[in-house]
Amino acid sequence: MLLTALVVGGAVPYVAGPGRSYLSYLVLAERADADGAARAAAEARAAGGQVVQEYPQIGAVLAYAGGGFAEKVRGRPGVAAVGASRTSPVPGPPRPLDGAGDFLAGTDSAAGARAGGDRVGGDRALSGRAADGTGVRVSGSGSGSGGVGVGTGDGAGAGDGGDDATATVPDPAEQDAWNLALLGAAPAGAADATPNLLRGTGTPAADALRKVLVAVLDSGVDDTHPDLRAAVDPRSSASCADGRPDARTGAWRPDAGVGESGHGTHVAGIVGAARDGRGVSGVAPGVRIAAVRLLGPLGQYYAENIVCGMLWAADHGARAINNSYFADPWKYNCPEDPDQAALTAAVGRAVEYARGKGAVVVASAGNDAQDLGAPRTDERSPNDRTTGPPQSRHVGPECVRLPGELPGVVTVTAVDRDGRPSAYTNYGRGHVSLAAPGGDPDGGARGAVVSDWPGGQYAALAGTSMAAAHVTGAVAVAAALHPDWGSDRLAAQLAVDAAAACPPGPHVCGDHEFYGAGALVLPH
């Protein structure tokens, strides 16, 4: 069944072993540096693992091995943690690819290294993969993405399929951009649904925004879309769909053979689509986008994909990194489980590395209408299984969504066009940072967020995925206005501006449980 799914989703990406099956493992050394990665690699090989990628930035490696591998390596000298990043085995490690594994590809450092002959080694929320609610479709169950597809204007749903079932809408010509009006960023002629909110009074010049790079870690971005042709930076884009950076031309584009592959294009449009009177306009039109595809051939965002993407974005100078998904296969990762604890540690190291390099890490809060600060139920994990139903787990607040609940991450909830919390959004005092436009899937295209879709099209989605993208765009604007600010100061300023625009009290944007610091406004 697994091989059939691989073939349907595209070329088989794994090298078949001699009658064996493999799991992928992240091995973390005690030292979070290149020496640590070398130690982790040595211990992994000594235990019979095949190391397919080193992460010298954080002292970790990705290895493939059979059952029992983690138990052999845990407790070895210099090893901090080991965890299986998937629950369903594959025939073997990823097949070799020329150039894969090079984190410096596309940078000036890479050009110098090649000249010298060296290379660096190598939610939604309302349904399942399709729909469990009438009139909505989630672009993500197995994938962990967070957009809800809606119909073309009457709330009619797109059905249970993949991207082929997502209803597209006519070219909106940058009209009725209620989501931008909420931020004070709407182009001329757009609807202003909330005149009482604080407006941003200054915007950076186009050349200032062009100096800012943001990364969209997602299902891939269609850089041939008219709104995104000038935005996506090929030198800073790559695929991390199997945990290795692959900078071959077009590797960052969505794979039409994998469901939900249009999600990243929609997110990228919200962040930085060109403002030219056609299509849609992004929050930060003119910004450069690093398109980093994480979505793998089985429709998963595994932890190694996230680690790879985070490190790639940081090493290429991203000032903001958008994460509109949750890590697979576990929606919530619990510290008492050694595998899940290792995945949390690995992604946590990658987030800290990115923040240390100057990037604000932004993530969607999720679309399950759950209080992240309270006990809750996880009915979708593990979601990479090939047979049988998912487990129904009761988890506590110590179990976290990755990367959204990691320290230092700006976690974003969703509001509708009236500025009220969307019914599907996750929330939780102390667990969410800001609120931003996410839309209402029951309001048709007018109530959702219209943005770009592969093939030069447009689609209306609603979800915390869309909300996070608005914050990423706002970070880009702040970075253009204040190029010398670090990641903590940029994030703090967004929170200060949001709080200043929000009166205190329940059920308004000063309600920290749903809004965090407050409702996002455009920096100025």
Protein backbone atom coordinates (compact mmCIF):
# COMPACT_ATOMS: atom_id res chain seq x y z
CA MET A 1 0.00 0.00 0.00
CA LEU A 2 2.84 2.38 0.82
CA LEU A 3 4.58 1.75 -2.49
CA THR A 4 1.30 2.30 -4.33
CA ALA A 5 0.86 5.62 -2.59
CA LEU A 6 4.40 6.62 -3.50
CA VAL A 7 3.90 5.81 -7.15
CA VAL A 8 0.60 7.68 -7.28
CA GLY A 9 2.22 10.69 -5.64
CA GLY A 10 5.14 10.80 -8.09
CA ALA A 11 8.42 9.01 -8.60
CA VAL A 12 9.38 6.59 -5.84
CA PRO A 13 11.83 8.61 -3.73
CA TYR A 14 13.35 5.75 -1.75
CA VAL A 15 16.07 3.24 -2.45
CA ALA A 16 14.64 -0.22 -1.78
CA GLY A 17 16.67 -2.28 0.65
CA PRO A 18 17.15 -6.05 0.44
CA GLY A 19 13.88 -7.18 1.99
CA ARG A 20 14.13 -4.63 4.79
CA SER A 21 12.02 -1.77 5.98
CA TYR A 22 13.30 1.45 7.46
CA LEU A 23 12.23 4.26 9.73
CA SER A 24 13.77 7.72 9.71
CA TYR A 25 15.46 8.89 12.92
CA LEU A 26 16.79 12.18 14.19
CA VAL A 27 19.90 11.74 16.32
CA LEU A 28 20.90 14.72 18.46
CA ALA A 29 24.29 15.09 20.06
CA GLU A 30 24.84 16.83 23.37
CA ARG A 31 26.83 19.45 21.49
CA ALA A 32 24.71 21.57 19.15
CA ASP A 33 27.46 22.21 16.62
CA ALA A 34 29.43 20.58 13.82
CA ASP A 35 31.44 18.44 16.23
CA GLY A 36 28.17 17.26 17.74
CA ALA A 37 26.81 16.34 14.32
CA ALA A 38 29.97 14.34 13.62
CA ARG A 39 29.54 12.47 16.91
CA ALA A 40 25.86 11.79 16.19
CA ALA A 41 26.77 10.48 12.73
CA ALA A 42 29.45 8.18 14.11
CA GLU A 43 27.13 6.70 16.73
CA ALA A 44 24.34 6.28 14.19
CA ARG A 45 26.61 4.37 11.80
CA ALA A 46 27.99 2.23 14.61
CA ALA A 47 24.43 1.14 15.37
CA GLY A 48 23.79 0.17 11.74
CA GLY A 49 22.08 3.35 10.61
CA GLN A 50 22.54 5.00 7.22
CA VAL A 51 23.18 8.72 7.66
CA VAL A 52 21.62 10.65 4.79
CA GLN A 53 21.96 14.23 6.10
CA GLU A 54 24.00 16.04 8.71
CA TYR A 55 22.80 19.21 10.37
CA PRO A 56 26.05 20.74 11.65
CA GLN A 57 24.24 23.94 12.62
CA ILE A 58 22.46 22.14 15.46
CA GLY A 59 24.53 19.00 16.16
CA ALA A 60 22.12 16.48 14.65
CA VAL A 61 21.80 13.97 11.81
CA LEU A 62 19.05 12.22 9.89
CA ALA A 63 19.55 8.45 9.70
CA TYR A 64 17.55 5.54 8.32
CA ALA A 65 17.57 2.19 10.07
CA GLY A 66 15.46 -0.80 11.03
CA GLY A 67 13.62 -1.37 14.27
CA GLY A 68 15.49 -1.12 17.54
CA PHE A 69 17.87 1.55 16.29
CA ALA A 70 16.84 4.22 18.78
CA GLU A 71 17.36 1.91 21.74
CA LYS A 72 20.87 1.10 20.53
CA VAL A 73 21.91 4.74 20.24
CA ARG A 74 20.18 6.31 23.23
CA GLY A 75 22.58 6.70 26.11
CA ARG A 76 25.70 6.44 23.95
CA PRO A 77 28.45 8.90 24.89
CA GLY A 78 27.74 12.35 23.53
CA VAL A 79 24.19 11.52 22.39
CA ALA A 80 21.41 13.65 23.84
CA ALA A 81 18.31 12.22 22.17
CA VAL A 82 17.13 9.88 19.41
CA GLY A 83 13.66 9.74 17.95
CA ALA A 84 11.85 8.06 15.08
CA SER A 85 10.29 10.80 12.98
CA ARG A 86 7.74 8.51 11.33
CA THR A 87 5.69 5.49 12.36
CA SER A 88 5.19 3.76 8.99
CA PRO A 89 8.30 2.17 7.48
CA VAL A 90 9.60 2.80 3.96
CA PRO A 91 11.64 0.51 1.68
CA GLY A 92 14.87 2.41 2.29
CA PRO A 93 16.59 5.79 2.59
CA PRO A 94 15.96 8.55 0.04
CA ARG A 95 17.70 7.99 -3.26
CA PRO A 96 20.87 10.00 -3.92
CA LEU A 97 20.42 13.33 -5.69
CA ASP A 98 23.21 15.37 -7.23
CA GLY A 99 23.80 18.41 -5.05
CA ALA A 100 21.30 17.48 -2.36
CA GLY A 101 22.48 18.25 1.15
CA ASP A 102 24.20 21.56 0.40
CA PHE A 103 22.86 24.20 2.79
CA LEU A 104 24.96 26.91 1.12
CA ALA A 105 23.60 26.37 -2.39
CA GLY A 106 22.63 29.66 -3.97
CA THR A 107 24.58 31.83 -1.53
CA ASP A 108 27.75 33.78 -2.12
CA SER A 109 29.48 31.40 0.27
CA ALA A 110 28.44 28.49 -1.92
CA ALA A 111 29.91 30.14 -4.99
CA GLY A 112 33.20 30.55 -3.20
CA ALA A 113 33.13 26.98 -1.95
CA ARG A 114 32.52 25.63 -5.44
CA ALA A 115 35.36 27.72 -6.79
CA GLY A 116 37.62 26.16 -4.19
CA GLY A 117 36.35 22.67 -4.88
CA ASP A 118 34.52 22.23 -1.58
CA ARG A 119 30.90 21.47 -0.79
CA VAL A 120 28.97 21.30 2.40
CA GLY A 121 27.87 17.79 3.16
CA GLY A 122 25.60 16.28 2.82
CA ASP A 123 -5.46 22.36 10.40
CA ARG A 124 -8.01 23.70 9.88
CA ALA A 125 -9.46 22.50 11.21
CA LEU A 126 -12.73 21.37 10.47
CA SER A 127 -12.08 18.05 8.82
CA GLY A 128 -9.89 15.17 7.85
CA ARG A 129 -7.97 14.90 4.59
CA ALA A 130 -11.10 16.19 3.11
CA ALA A 131 -14.10 17.29 5.00
CA ASP A 132 -16.02 16.46 8.07
CA GLY A 133 -18.18 19.51 7.81
CA THR A 134 -20.62 20.62 5.18
CA GLY A 135 -19.41 23.30 2.83
CA VAL A 136 -15.76 23.33 3.87
CA ARG A 137 -12.62 21.48 2.96
CA VAL A 138 -9.48 21.50 4.96
CA SER A 139 -6.30 21.65 3.04
CA GLY A 140 -4.62 19.32 5.39
CA SER A 141 -5.15 16.30 7.46
CA GLY A 142 -2.21 14.13 6.84
CA SER A 143 -0.20 17.13 5.85
CA GLY A 144 -0.89 19.28 8.82
CA SER A 145 -1.53 22.40 6.77
CA GLY A 146 -4.00 24.90 8.10
CA GLY A 147 -6.29 26.30 5.41
CA VAL A 148 -9.95 25.60 4.90
CA GLY A 149 -11.17 25.72 1.31
CA VAL A 150 -14.50 27.33 0.57
CA GLY A 151 -16.73 27.67 -2.43
CA THR A 152 -16.85 30.46 -4.95
CA GLY A 153 -19.12 32.70 -2.97
CA ASP A 154 -22.13 30.84 -1.68
CA GLY A 155 -20.41 28.63 0.88
CA ALA A 156 -20.60 25.57 -1.31
CA GLY A 157 -17.83 23.23 -0.40
CA ALA A 158 -15.11 21.91 -2.61
CA GLY A 159 -15.64 18.32 -1.61
CA ASP A 160 -13.35 15.66 -0.21
CA GLY A 161 -10.58 15.64 -2.79
CA GLY A 162 -7.14 17.17 -2.95
CA ASP A 163 -6.23 20.38 -4.74
CA ASP A 164 -8.33 19.43 -7.76
CA ALA A 165 -11.39 19.87 -5.54
CA THR A 166 -10.43 23.35 -4.33
CA ALA A 167 -12.82 25.82 -5.90
CA THR A 168 -11.10 28.71 -7.60
CA VAL A 169 -12.46 32.24 -7.87
CA PRO A 170 -12.21 34.88 -10.61
CA ASP A 171 -9.32 37.35 -10.63
CA PRO A 172 -10.26 39.65 -7.72
CA ALA A 173 -8.32 42.62 -9.17
CA GLU A 174 -7.22 43.55 -5.63
CA GLN A 175 -10.81 44.39 -4.64
CA ASP A 176 -12.57 43.73 -1.32
CA ALA A 177 -9.28 42.97 0.40
CA TRP A 178 -10.89 43.00 3.83
CA ASN A 179 -7.94 41.15 5.29
CA LEU A 180 -5.57 43.96 4.35
CA ALA A 181 -8.04 46.61 5.49
CA LEU A 182 -7.90 45.10 8.98
CA LEU A 183 -4.16 45.80 9.02
CA GLY A 184 -4.28 49.22 7.42
CA ALA A 185 -2.54 47.77 4.35
CA ALA A 186 -5.34 47.70 1.78
CA PRO A 187 -4.74 49.01 -1.74
CA ALA A 188 -6.96 51.73 -3.17
CA GLY A 189 -10.55 50.61 -3.66
CA ALA A 190 -10.43 47.75 -1.17
CA ALA A 191 -13.23 47.39 1.36
CA ASP A 192 -12.55 48.82 4.81
CA ALA A 193 -14.50 46.57 7.13
CA THR A 194 -13.19 47.95 10.43
CA PRO A 195 -12.60 51.71 10.43
CA ASN A 196 -12.14 51.76 14.22
CA LEU A 197 -8.82 49.88 14.16
CA LEU A 198 -5.49 51.68 14.31
CA ARG A 199 -4.03 52.24 10.88
CA GLY A 200 -0.39 52.05 9.89
CA THR A 201 0.64 55.47 8.58
CA GLY A 202 3.98 54.72 6.97
CA THR A 203 5.05 52.07 4.51
CA PRO A 204 8.56 51.22 3.38
CA ALA A 205 9.73 52.04 -0.11
CA ALA A 206 9.76 49.21 -2.64
CA ASP A 207 13.56 49.11 -2.74
CA ALA A 208 13.64 48.71 1.06
CA LEU A 209 11.25 45.77 0.94
CA ARG A 210 13.25 44.22 -1.89
CA LYS A 211 16.19 43.97 0.49
CA VAL A 212 14.15 41.83 2.89
CA LEU A 213 13.94 38.05 2.45
CA VAL A 214 11.19 35.99 4.07
CA ALA A 215 10.85 32.22 3.84
CA VAL A 216 7.62 30.33 3.22
CA LEU A 217 8.06 26.79 4.55
CA ASP A 218 5.09 24.96 3.10
CA SER A 219 3.89 22.73 0.26
CA GLY A 220 5.87 24.65 -2.35
CA VAL A 221 5.27 27.90 -4.21
CA ASP A 222 4.33 28.34 -7.86
CA ASP A 223 6.79 31.03 -8.88
CA THR A 224 5.25 31.17 -12.37
CA HIS A 225 2.10 32.79 -10.95
CA PRO A 226 1.84 36.39 -12.23
CA ASP A 227 1.54 37.71 -8.67
CA LEU A 228 4.67 35.88 -7.51
CA ARG A 229 7.07 35.88 -10.47
CA ALA A 230 9.02 38.85 -9.19
CA ALA A 231 8.76 37.83 -5.54
CA VAL A 232 10.21 34.31 -5.37
CA ASP A 233 14.01 34.33 -5.20
CA PRO A 234 15.35 31.18 -6.92
CA ARG A 235 18.78 31.52 -5.28
CA SER A 236 17.16 31.31 -1.86
CA SER A 237 14.58 28.61 -2.65
CA ALA A 238 14.81 24.84 -2.30
CA SER A 239 12.99 21.64 -1.45
CA CYS A 240 13.42 20.00 1.94
CA ALA A 241 10.75 17.38 1.23
CA ASP A 242 12.94 14.51 2.44
CA GLY A 243 15.04 16.34 5.04
CA ARG A 244 17.82 17.29 2.61
CA PRO A 245 18.11 20.71 0.93
CA ASP A 246 17.63 20.31 -2.82
CA ALA A 247 18.25 23.54 -4.70
CA ARG A 248 17.75 22.21 -8.21
CA THR A 249 15.73 24.58 -10.36
CA GLY A 250 12.04 24.26 -9.59
CA ALA A 251 12.47 21.86 -6.66
CA TRP A 252 10.61 24.41 -4.53
CA ARG A 253 7.50 24.29 -6.70
CA PRO A 254 4.40 22.35 -5.60
CA ASP A 255 4.10 18.71 -6.64
CA ALA A 256 0.74 18.41 -8.37
CA GLY A 257 0.73 14.69 -7.56
CA VAL A 258 0.52 15.39 -3.82
CA GLY A 259 -2.72 16.60 -2.27
CA GLU A 260 -2.83 20.06 -0.70
CA SER A 261 0.09 21.22 -2.81
CA GLY A 262 -1.50 24.60 -3.59
CA HIS A 263 -1.45 25.68 0.04
CA GLY A 264 2.03 27.25 -0.07
CA THR A 265 1.22 29.37 -3.11
CA HIS A 266 -1.83 30.75 -1.30
CA VAL A 267 0.27 31.57 1.77
CA ALA A 268 3.01 33.19 -0.32
CA GLY A 269 0.47 35.42 -2.03
CA ILE A 270 -0.76 36.74 1.31
CA VAL A 271 2.82 37.50 2.31
CA GLY A 272 4.14 39.22 -0.78
CA ALA A 273 2.03 39.16 -3.96
CA ALA A 274 2.74 42.11 -6.24
CA ARG A 275 0.54 45.20 -5.95
CA ASP A 276 -0.24 45.92 -9.60
CA GLY A 277 -4.03 46.17 -9.81
CA ARG A 278 -4.44 42.53 -10.81
CA GLY A 279 -4.94 39.42 -8.72
CA VAL A 280 -4.24 40.00 -5.04
CA SER A 281 -1.81 42.16 -3.14
CA GLY A 282 0.33 40.85 -0.34
CA VAL A 283 0.90 42.46 3.04
CA ALA A 284 4.48 43.23 1.93
CA PRO A 285 4.41 43.63 -1.87
CA GLY A 286 7.96 43.78 -3.15
CA VAL A 287 9.49 41.51 -0.51
CA ARG A 288 11.68 38.62 -1.69
CA ILE A 289 10.36 35.15 -0.89
CA ALA A 290 12.43 32.05 -0.28
CA ALA A 291 10.12 29.22 -1.31
CA VAL A 292 11.01 26.14 0.74
CA ARG A 293 8.94 23.07 0.01
CA LEU A 294 8.50 20.81 3.03
CA LEU A 295 5.55 18.72 1.90
CA GLY A 296 6.87 15.23 1.13
CA PRO A 297 5.66 12.66 -1.40
CA LEU A 298 3.26 11.10 1.10
CA GLY A 299 1.75 14.43 2.10
CA GLN A 300 3.68 14.79 5.35
CA TYR A 301 5.63 17.51 7.13
CA TYR A 302 8.11 15.32 8.99
CA ALA A 303 10.39 16.84 11.63
CA GLU A 304 13.50 16.46 9.46
CA ASN A 305 11.78 18.44 6.70
CA ILE A 306 11.10 21.24 9.16
CA VAL A 307 14.66 21.17 10.53
CA CYS A 308 16.07 21.29 7.01
CA GLY A 309 13.79 24.13 5.96
CA MET A 310 14.43 26.19 9.07
CA LEU A 311 18.20 25.88 8.70
CA TRP A 312 18.07 26.62 4.97
CA ALA A 313 16.00 29.76 5.53
CA ALA A 314 18.26 30.97 8.33
CA ASP A 315 21.45 30.39 6.36
CA HIS A 316 20.04 32.35 3.43
CA GLY A 317 19.24 35.39 5.55
CA ALA A 318 15.48 35.20 6.02
CA ARG A 319 14.14 37.85 8.40
CA ALA A 320 10.86 35.96 8.86
CA ILE A 321 10.05 32.27 8.47
CA ASN A 322 6.41 31.33 7.94
CA ASN A 323 5.17 27.93 9.19
CA SER A 324 1.51 27.31 8.35
CA TYR A 325 1.35 23.62 9.24
CA PHE A 326 2.02 21.27 12.14
CA ALA A 327 4.64 18.55 12.28
CA ASP A 328 3.69 15.02 11.34
CA PRO A 329 3.07 12.31 12.40
CA TRP A 330 2.09 13.56 15.85
CA LYS A 331 -0.20 16.58 16.06
CA TYR A 332 0.98 17.04 19.64
CA ASN A 333 4.40 15.88 20.81
CA CYS A 334 4.58 14.79 24.44
CA PRO A 335 7.76 14.93 26.53
CA GLU A 336 7.20 11.53 28.17
CA ASP A 337 7.53 9.79 24.80
CA PRO A 338 11.25 9.55 23.89
CA ASP A 339 10.61 9.72 20.15
CA GLN A 340 8.36 12.76 20.42
CA ALA A 341 10.71 14.42 22.92
CA ALA A 342 13.59 14.04 20.46
CA LEU A 343 11.54 15.56 17.63
CA THR A 344 10.64 18.51 19.86
CA ALA A 345 14.29 19.00 20.75
CA ALA A 346 15.42 18.84 17.11
CA VAL A 347 12.87 21.34 15.82
CA GLY A 348 13.50 23.49 18.89
CA ARG A 349 17.20 23.66 18.09
CA ALA A 350 16.43 24.64 14.51
CA VAL A 351 14.09 27.40 15.68
CA GLU A 352 16.71 28.74 18.08
CA TYR A 353 19.32 28.67 15.33
CA ALA A 354 17.03 30.64 13.01
CA ARG A 355 16.21 33.19 15.69
CA GLY A 356 19.90 33.57 16.44
CA LYS A 357 20.51 34.33 12.78
CA GLY A 358 17.98 37.16 12.90
CA ALA A 359 14.75 35.48 11.75
CA VAL A 360 11.34 35.88 13.38
CA VAL A 361 9.75 32.43 13.36
CA VAL A 362 5.99 32.67 12.75
CA ALA A 363 3.57 29.74 13.03
CA SER A 364 -0.15 29.04 12.80
CA ALA A 365 -1.91 28.18 16.06
CA GLY A 366 -4.02 25.45 14.45
CA ASN A 367 -7.64 24.99 13.51
CA ASP A 368 -9.10 22.60 16.06
CA ALA A 369 -10.90 25.13 18.30
CA GLN A 370 -8.83 23.81 21.21
CA ASP A 371 -7.38 25.54 24.26
CA LEU A 372 -3.64 24.87 23.97
CA GLY A 373 -3.25 25.56 27.68
CA ALA A 374 -5.66 22.82 28.78
CA PRO A 375 -5.99 19.05 28.43
CA ARG A 376 -7.39 18.14 25.03
CA THR A 377 -7.96 15.26 22.63
CA ASP A 378 -5.79 14.34 19.67
CA GLU A 379 -7.77 12.17 17.28
CA ARG A 380 -5.45 12.35 14.26
CA SER A 381 -2.15 10.87 15.42
CA PRO A 382 -0.16 9.22 14.11
CA ASN A 383 -1.29 10.47 10.71
CA ASP A 384 1.30 8.70 8.55
CA ARG A 385 -0.17 5.27 9.10
CA THR A 386 -1.08 3.23 6.02
CA THR A 387 -3.76 1.10 7.71
CA GLY A 388 -6.08 1.28 10.67
CA PRO A 389 -7.71 4.20 12.45
CA PRO A 390 -5.78 6.89 14.29
CA GLN A 391 -5.31 6.72 18.02
CA SER A 392 -7.48 8.83 20.26
CA ARG A 393 -5.12 10.38 22.77
CA HIS A 394 -5.87 12.61 25.72
CA VAL A 395 -2.94 14.99 26.03
CA GLY A 396 -2.06 17.71 28.49
CA PRO A 397 -0.70 21.22 27.93
CA GLU A 398 2.84 19.84 28.14
CA CYS A 399 2.25 18.21 24.74
CA VAL A 400 3.02 20.75 22.03
CA ARG A 401 2.33 21.46 18.38
CA LEU A 402 5.52 21.82 16.38
CA PRO A 403 6.73 24.39 15.69
CA GLY A 404 3.96 26.68 16.94
CA GLU A 405 4.30 26.10 20.68
CA LEU A 406 8.09 26.25 20.90
CA PRO A 407 9.72 29.06 22.90
CA GLY A 408 10.28 32.22 20.91
CA VAL A 409 7.84 31.36 18.11
CA VAL A 410 5.21 33.97 17.20
CA THR A 411 2.04 31.85 17.24
CA VAL A 412 -0.95 33.30 15.42
CA THR A 413 -4.69 32.83 15.91
CA ALA A 414 -7.35 33.71 13.32
CA VAL A 415 -10.06 36.37 13.22
CA ASP A 416 -12.90 36.89 10.74
CA ARG A 417 -13.57 40.02 8.70
CA ASP A 418 -15.30 41.60 11.69
CA GLY A 419 -12.21 41.14 13.81
CA ARG A 420 -13.77 38.42 16.00
CA PRO A 421 -12.04 35.10 16.75
CA SER A 422 -12.79 32.55 14.05
CA ALA A 423 -14.78 29.58 15.34
CA TYR A 424 -12.09 27.06 14.39
CA THR A 425 -9.02 28.79 15.79
CA ASN A 426 -6.95 27.30 18.58
CA TYR A 427 -6.29 29.65 21.47
CA GLY A 428 -4.79 29.73 24.96
CA ARG A 429 -3.47 32.39 27.30
CA GLY A 430 0.30 32.27 27.23
CA HIS A 431 0.28 29.92 24.24
CA VAL A 432 -0.59 32.36 21.44
CA SER A 433 1.10 35.62 20.44
CA LEU A 434 -1.06 37.58 18.01
CA ALA A 435 -4.31 37.42 16.07
CA ALA A 436 -4.58 38.14 12.35
CA PRO A 437 -7.08 37.72 9.50
CA GLY A 438 -7.91 34.07 8.87
CA GLY A 439 -11.47 34.28 7.68
CA ASP A 440 -14.66 32.30 8.03
CA PRO A 441 -15.15 29.20 5.84
CA ASP A 442 -18.92 29.43 6.23
CA GLY A 443 -19.01 32.90 4.67
CA GLY A 444 -18.11 31.84 1.16
CA ALA A 445 -15.35 33.54 -0.77
CA ARG A 446 -16.26 36.91 0.70
CA GLY A 447 -15.71 35.64 4.22
CA ALA A 448 -12.46 33.80 3.47
CA VAL A 449 -9.07 35.09 2.37
CA VAL A 450 -8.59 35.18 -1.39
CA SER A 451 -5.03 34.61 -2.55
CA ASP A 452 -2.96 32.99 -5.26
CA TRP A 453 -3.35 29.41 -6.43
CA PRO A 454 -1.10 27.37 -8.75
CA GLY A 455 -1.57 27.78 -12.47
CA GLY A 456 -2.22 31.52 -12.33
CA GLN A 457 -5.48 31.02 -10.43
CA TYR A 458 -6.99 32.31 -7.19
CA ALA A 459 -8.70 30.52 -4.32
CA ALA A 460 -10.51 31.42 -1.10
CA LEU A 461 -9.27 29.68 2.05
CA ALA A 462 -9.80 30.25 5.73
CA GLY A 463 -7.57 29.15 8.58
CA THR A 464 -4.76 30.04 10.93
CA SER A 465 -2.45 29.32 8.00
CA MET A 466 -3.72 32.52 6.41
CA ALA A 467 -3.44 34.40 9.71
CA ALA A 468 0.23 33.44 10.14
CA ALA A 469 1.02 34.65 6.63
CA HIS A 470 -0.26 38.14 7.48
CA VAL A 471 2.09 38.30 10.45
CA THR A 472 5.02 37.17 8.31
CA GLY A 473 4.27 39.97 5.87
CA ALA A 474 4.09 42.43 8.75
CA VAL A 475 7.50 41.28 9.98
CA ALA A 476 8.86 41.97 6.50
CA VAL A 477 7.48 45.51 6.63
CA ALA A 478 9.01 46.04 10.08
CA ALA A 479 12.36 44.69 8.91
CA ALA A 480 12.33 47.05 5.91
CA LEU A 481 11.60 50.00 8.17
CA HIS A 482 14.17 48.92 10.76
CA PRO A 483 16.87 46.88 8.98
CA ASP A 484 19.20 46.97 11.98
CA TRP A 485 16.71 45.36 14.38
CA GLY A 486 17.13 41.78 15.52
CA SER A 487 14.44 39.12 15.60
CA ASP A 488 13.39 39.68 19.21
CA ARG A 489 12.96 43.42 18.72
CA LEU A 490 10.96 42.95 15.52
CA ALA A 491 8.60 40.49 17.22
CA ALA A 492 8.29 42.67 20.29
CA GLN A 493 7.34 45.71 18.21
CA LEU A 494 4.50 43.80 16.54
CA ALA A 495 3.20 42.90 19.99
CA VAL A 496 3.49 46.48 21.25
CA ASP A 497 1.64 47.88 18.23
CA ALA A 498 -1.09 45.24 18.53
CA ALA A 499 -1.59 45.90 22.24
CA ALA A 500 -1.80 49.66 21.68
CA ALA A 501 -4.67 49.17 19.23
CA CYS A 502 -6.70 46.87 21.49
CA PRO A 503 -8.87 47.79 24.48
CA PRO A 504 -8.81 45.32 27.37
CA GLY A 505 -11.73 43.07 28.16
CA PRO A 506 -13.34 39.75 27.20
CA HIS A 507 -14.33 39.02 23.59
CA VAL A 508 -12.43 42.03 22.23
CA CYS A 509 -8.90 42.16 20.88
CA GLY A 510 -7.51 42.81 24.35
CA ASP A 511 -8.62 39.31 25.36
CA HIS A 512 -5.25 37.56 25.70
CA GLU A 513 -6.76 34.09 25.56
CA PHE A 514 -7.76 34.48 21.92
CA TYR A 515 -5.64 37.40 20.71
CA GLY A 516 -2.37 37.10 22.58
CA ALA A 517 -0.92 40.62 22.66
CA GLY A 518 -3.70 41.81 20.37
CA ALA A 519 -4.84 42.04 16.75
CA LEU A 520 -2.08 42.61 14.21
CA VAL A 521 -1.66 46.08 12.71
CA LEU A 522 0.76 47.05 9.98
CA PRO A 523 4.05 48.40 11.41
CA HIS A 524 4.82 52.05 10.72
